[in-house]
Protein backbone atom coordinates (compact mmCIF):
# COMPACT_ATOMS: atom_id res chain seq x y z
CA MET A 1 0.20 -0.28 -0.08
CA PHE A 2 0.83 3.64 -0.88
CA GLY A 3 -0.12 6.65 0.76
CA GLN A 4 0.82 10.48 1.14
CA LYS A 5 4.24 11.50 1.97
CA ARG A 6 6.01 8.35 0.97
CA VAL A 7 4.11 6.21 3.52
CA ASN A 8 3.89 2.58 2.41
CA ALA A 9 3.44 -0.70 3.96
CA GLN A 10 3.56 -4.39 2.91
CA LEU A 11 0.99 -6.75 4.16
CA ASP A 12 1.91 -10.63 3.81
CA LEU A 13 -0.72 -13.35 3.14
CA PRO A 14 -0.94 -16.14 6.29
CA ARG A 15 -0.24 -18.64 3.14
CA ARG A 16 1.42 -17.97 0.10
CA ALA A 17 -1.26 -17.25 -2.81
CA SER A 18 -2.45 -14.89 -5.26
CA VAL A 19 -4.53 -11.97 -4.38
CA LYS A 20 -8.23 -11.94 -6.09
CA SER A 21 -9.98 -9.40 -4.53
CA LEU A 22 -8.98 -6.25 -2.31
CA TYR A 23 -11.37 -3.86 -0.63
CA PHE A 24 -10.78 -1.11 1.87
CA CYS A 25 -13.53 -1.03 4.86
CA ALA A 26 -12.93 2.01 7.21
CA ASP A 27 -10.14 0.91 9.00
CA LYS A 28 -9.55 -2.28 7.47
CA LEU A 29 -8.36 -3.99 4.48
CA VAL A 30 -10.13 -6.93 2.98
CA CYS A 31 -8.32 -9.71 1.03
CA TYR A 32 -9.73 -12.74 -0.79
CA ASP A 33 -6.91 -15.08 -2.18
CA ALA A 34 -6.88 -18.12 -4.58
CA ARG A 35 -6.64 -20.43 -1.68
CA ASN A 36 -10.14 -19.42 -0.76
CA ASP A 37 -8.67 -17.55 2.25
CA LEU A 38 -10.20 -14.57 3.59
CA THR A 39 -8.00 -12.20 5.64
CA ILE A 40 -8.76 -9.00 7.42
CA TYR A 41 -5.90 -6.32 8.01
CA SER A 42 -5.77 -3.45 10.50
CA LEU A 43 -4.62 -0.40 8.46
CA GLU A 44 -3.50 1.24 11.84
CA THR A 45 -1.46 -1.52 12.93
CA LYS A 46 -0.62 -3.30 9.54
CA LYS A 47 -1.20 -6.74 11.22
CA ILE A 48 -3.94 -9.45 10.51
CA LEU A 49 -7.04 -9.15 12.60
CA CYS A 50 -8.50 -12.49 11.56
CA SER A 51 -8.39 -14.80 8.62
CA HIS A 52 -11.19 -17.53 7.70
CA SER A 53 -11.77 -20.25 4.89
CA PRO A 54 -15.24 -19.76 3.78
CA PRO A 55 -17.08 -23.13 3.25
CA GLY A 56 -16.81 -23.12 -0.50
CA PRO A 57 -15.57 -21.10 -3.42
CA VAL A 58 -16.46 -17.09 -3.45
CA PHE A 59 -17.30 -15.73 -6.60
CA ALA A 60 -18.33 -12.21 -5.35
CA LEU A 61 -17.87 -10.00 -2.42
CA CYS A 62 -19.57 -7.00 -0.90
CA ILE A 63 -18.32 -4.70 1.81
CA ASP A 64 -19.75 -1.40 3.22
CA PRO A 65 -18.04 0.87 5.98
CA THR A 66 -21.02 1.17 7.83
CA LEU A 67 -21.08 -2.72 8.22
CA ASP A 68 -19.00 -5.15 10.26
CA TYR A 69 -19.74 -7.80 7.60
CA VAL A 70 -18.43 -9.16 4.74
CA LEU A 71 -21.36 -10.57 2.31
CA LEU A 72 -19.96 -13.53 0.50
CA GLY A 73 -21.71 -14.79 -2.67
CA MET A 74 -21.12 -18.41 -2.95
CA GLN A 75 -20.48 -20.75 -5.94
CA SER A 76 -23.75 -22.60 -4.45
CA GLY A 77 -25.89 -19.50 -5.03
CA GLU A 78 -26.12 -18.78 -1.21
CA VAL A 79 -24.94 -15.33 0.20
CA LEU A 80 -23.13 -15.97 3.58
CA ALA A 81 -21.57 -13.34 6.06
CA TYR A 82 -18.27 -13.12 7.70
CA ASP A 83 -18.40 -11.07 11.07
CA MET A 84 -15.19 -8.95 10.91
CA ASP A 85 -15.54 -7.93 14.53
CA ARG A 86 -15.91 -11.41 16.06
CA GLY A 87 -13.63 -13.00 13.38
CA ARG A 88 -16.15 -15.75 12.53
CA MET A 89 -18.90 -16.55 10.21
CA ALA A 90 -22.38 -14.90 11.33
CA PRO A 91 -25.31 -16.86 11.56
CA PHE A 92 -26.71 -15.40 8.40
CA ARG A 93 -27.67 -17.26 5.05
CA ILE A 94 -29.80 -16.22 2.13
CA PRO A 95 -30.45 -19.31 -0.06
CA SER A 96 -30.35 -19.23 -3.80
CA PHE A 97 -33.44 -17.47 -4.96
CA TRP A 98 -32.86 -18.34 -8.55
CA LYS A 99 -33.48 -21.94 -7.95
CA GLU A 100 -36.93 -20.86 -6.56
CA TYR A 101 -37.70 -18.80 -9.55
CA ASP A 102 -36.50 -21.11 -12.04
CA PRO A 103 -36.15 -24.69 -10.76
CA ARG A 104 -34.72 -25.84 -13.83
CA ALA A 105 -31.46 -24.08 -13.51
CA ARG A 106 -29.12 -26.53 -12.45
CA VAL A 107 -26.39 -24.20 -11.24
CA THR A 108 -26.82 -20.75 -10.03
CA PRO A 109 -23.38 -19.51 -8.70
CA ILE A 110 -23.50 -15.78 -7.74
CA MET A 111 -21.36 -13.67 -10.06
CA ALA A 112 -21.81 -10.09 -8.44
CA LEU A 113 -23.25 -8.59 -5.21
CA ALA A 114 -23.82 -4.70 -4.65
CA LEU A 115 -25.74 -2.93 -1.64
CA HIS A 116 -28.13 -0.11 -2.79
CA PRO A 117 -26.28 3.11 -2.86
CA ARG A 118 -29.09 4.98 -1.05
CA ASP A 119 -30.68 2.10 0.80
CA ILE A 120 -28.61 -0.38 2.48
CA GLY A 121 -31.72 -2.46 3.04
CA SER A 122 -31.58 -3.67 -0.50
CA LEU A 123 -29.00 -5.95 -1.92
CA LEU A 124 -28.63 -6.61 -5.77
CA ILE A 125 -27.67 -10.43 -6.12
CA GLY A 126 -26.38 -11.21 -9.85
CA TYR A 127 -26.60 -14.97 -10.55
CA ALA A 128 -25.29 -16.37 -13.72
CA GLU A 129 -28.88 -16.87 -15.10
CA GLY A 130 -30.06 -13.51 -13.98
CA ALA A 131 -30.46 -10.63 -11.04
CA VAL A 132 -32.55 -10.18 -7.86
CA ILE A 133 -33.19 -7.34 -5.72
CA TYR A 134 -33.44 -8.73 -2.13
CA SER A 135 -35.15 -6.62 0.52
CA PHE A 136 -33.34 -7.19 4.12
CA LYS A 137 -36.55 -5.62 5.82
CA GLN A 138 -38.97 -8.03 4.21
CA ASN A 139 -36.79 -10.94 4.21
CA LYS A 140 -37.64 -11.64 0.48
CA PRO A 141 -36.62 -11.18 -3.15
CA VAL A 142 -38.82 -8.19 -4.35
CA LYS A 143 -37.62 -8.05 -8.26
CA TYR A 144 -36.37 -10.47 -10.95
CA PHE A 145 -34.23 -9.73 -13.84
CA LYS A 146 -33.79 -12.08 -16.74
CA TYR A 147 -32.30 -11.05 -19.97
CA GLU A 148 -33.89 -12.87 -22.95
CA LEU A 149 -33.02 -12.52 -26.48
CA PRO A 150 -36.08 -13.10 -28.57
CA ARG A 151 -35.70 -14.95 -32.34
CA GLY A 152 -34.22 -12.49 -34.64
CA ALA A 153 -32.22 -10.38 -32.23
CA PRO A 154 -28.58 -10.20 -32.67
CA GLY A 155 -27.70 -9.90 -29.31
CA GLY A 156 -24.18 -8.60 -28.14
CA ASP A 157 -22.11 -10.80 -30.00
CA GLY A 158 -24.42 -10.14 -33.27
CA ASP A 159 -23.81 -13.99 -34.10
CA PRO A 160 -26.32 -14.61 -37.12
CA SER A 161 -26.02 -18.31 -36.75
CA ALA A 162 -27.84 -18.14 -33.18
CA THR A 163 -30.65 -15.60 -34.05
CA ASN A 164 -32.96 -18.48 -34.87
CA VAL A 165 -33.37 -19.46 -31.35
CA VAL A 166 -34.37 -17.75 -28.19
CA ARG A 167 -31.33 -17.06 -26.04
CA HIS A 168 -30.14 -16.28 -22.31
CA PRO A 169 -26.74 -14.98 -22.19
CA ARG A 170 -25.10 -15.63 -18.94
CA LEU A 171 -24.65 -12.75 -16.59
CA THR A 172 -21.30 -11.67 -15.49
CA HIS A 173 -21.79 -8.15 -13.68
CA ALA A 174 -24.60 -6.56 -12.03
CA VAL A 175 -24.20 -2.90 -10.59
CA TRP A 176 -26.67 -0.24 -9.46
CA HIS A 177 -26.60 3.24 -10.82
CA PRO A 178 -25.34 5.61 -8.35
CA THR A 179 -29.05 6.93 -7.72
CA GLY A 180 -30.35 3.38 -7.28
CA THR A 181 -32.91 4.12 -10.16
CA PHE A 182 -31.39 1.74 -12.53
CA ILE A 183 -29.40 -1.44 -12.55
CA LEU A 184 -26.83 -2.31 -15.35
CA THR A 185 -26.05 -6.23 -16.05
CA GLY A 186 -23.29 -7.33 -18.06
CA HIS A 187 -23.40 -10.37 -20.17
CA GLU A 188 -20.98 -12.78 -21.58
CA ASP A 189 -22.27 -12.16 -25.40
CA GLY A 190 -21.05 -8.56 -24.78
CA SER A 191 -24.80 -7.14 -24.15
CA LEU A 192 -24.86 -4.48 -21.53
CA VAL A 193 -28.59 -4.03 -20.09
CA PHE A 194 -30.09 -1.28 -18.56
CA TRP A 195 -32.89 -2.11 -16.16
CA ASP A 196 -35.65 -0.08 -14.49
CA ALA A 197 -35.01 -1.07 -10.91
CA ARG A 198 -38.72 -0.38 -9.87
CA ASP A 199 -40.86 -2.10 -12.57
CA GLY A 200 -38.07 -4.75 -14.05
CA ARG A 201 -38.56 -3.46 -17.51
CA ILE A 202 -35.38 -3.37 -20.09
CA VAL A 203 -34.52 0.37 -20.72
CA MET A 204 -31.96 -0.57 -23.14
CA ALA A 205 -29.93 -3.43 -24.28
CA ARG A 206 -26.90 -2.54 -26.15
CA THR A 207 -22.96 -2.88 -26.90
CA LEU A 208 -20.26 -0.27 -27.18
CA THR A 209 -21.34 0.39 -30.43
CA ASP A 210 -24.95 -0.81 -31.36
CA THR A 211 -28.17 -0.31 -29.55
CA PHE A 212 -31.39 -2.12 -29.06
CA VAL A 213 -29.50 -5.49 -29.43
CA ASN A 214 -32.35 -7.23 -27.74
CA LYS A 215 -34.69 -6.42 -30.64
CA PRO A 216 -35.59 -8.34 -33.79
CA GLN A 217 -33.94 -7.28 -36.82
CA SER A 218 -36.02 -8.02 -39.73
CA SER A 219 -32.73 -8.49 -42.02
CA SER A 220 -31.44 -11.31 -39.58
CA VAL A 221 -34.84 -13.10 -38.82
CA VAL A 222 -34.50 -16.99 -40.21
CA ARG A 223 -37.31 -17.56 -42.85
CA GLY A 224 -40.04 -19.50 -41.16
CA SER A 225 -39.50 -17.98 -37.73
């Protein structure tokens, strides 16, 4: 770490590994590494406060300076919480809501986690199949977002050989707009999808160069579709 006036510090991992994620959280630094170890450092003493190996691979982390917890998005689709103050897992668990929404979904790893920028009581959970807004207050999901490309829509990759079938590109990212009014999901086909967070409708699906890639194109619709 490097700071002002040539201030610097080196923090060593408990076990030799490559770092996958780093987050500042108030007076702490949170590290998740390739060995599936979660390590919490004190920025004041430059020492390890606690370390833990979560019960399974972690695909996403979410941290807020007002919370003493690290939210862990697991490969299993569950959300767990690590208590940084007590140095142990908290008795908190959110099940995979996507399996409840779509029982046919076999694997629903969590790809993204994000707290609402203006309402810490709402959590955006990005599964590989779609996204969900979870309300801590109501203790339930309040909105689902599933990106679907109808027949004839080019999608993010514009593959003409795939336009004759309905597709559901896997989700890779999910983030809030700073106002919390909109949600952006990124998908493996290159689509960037803007959603209205209140009613769940798609405002626009686009790539860096093309717009409305979720709309059927008359020139690309296969005959007989």
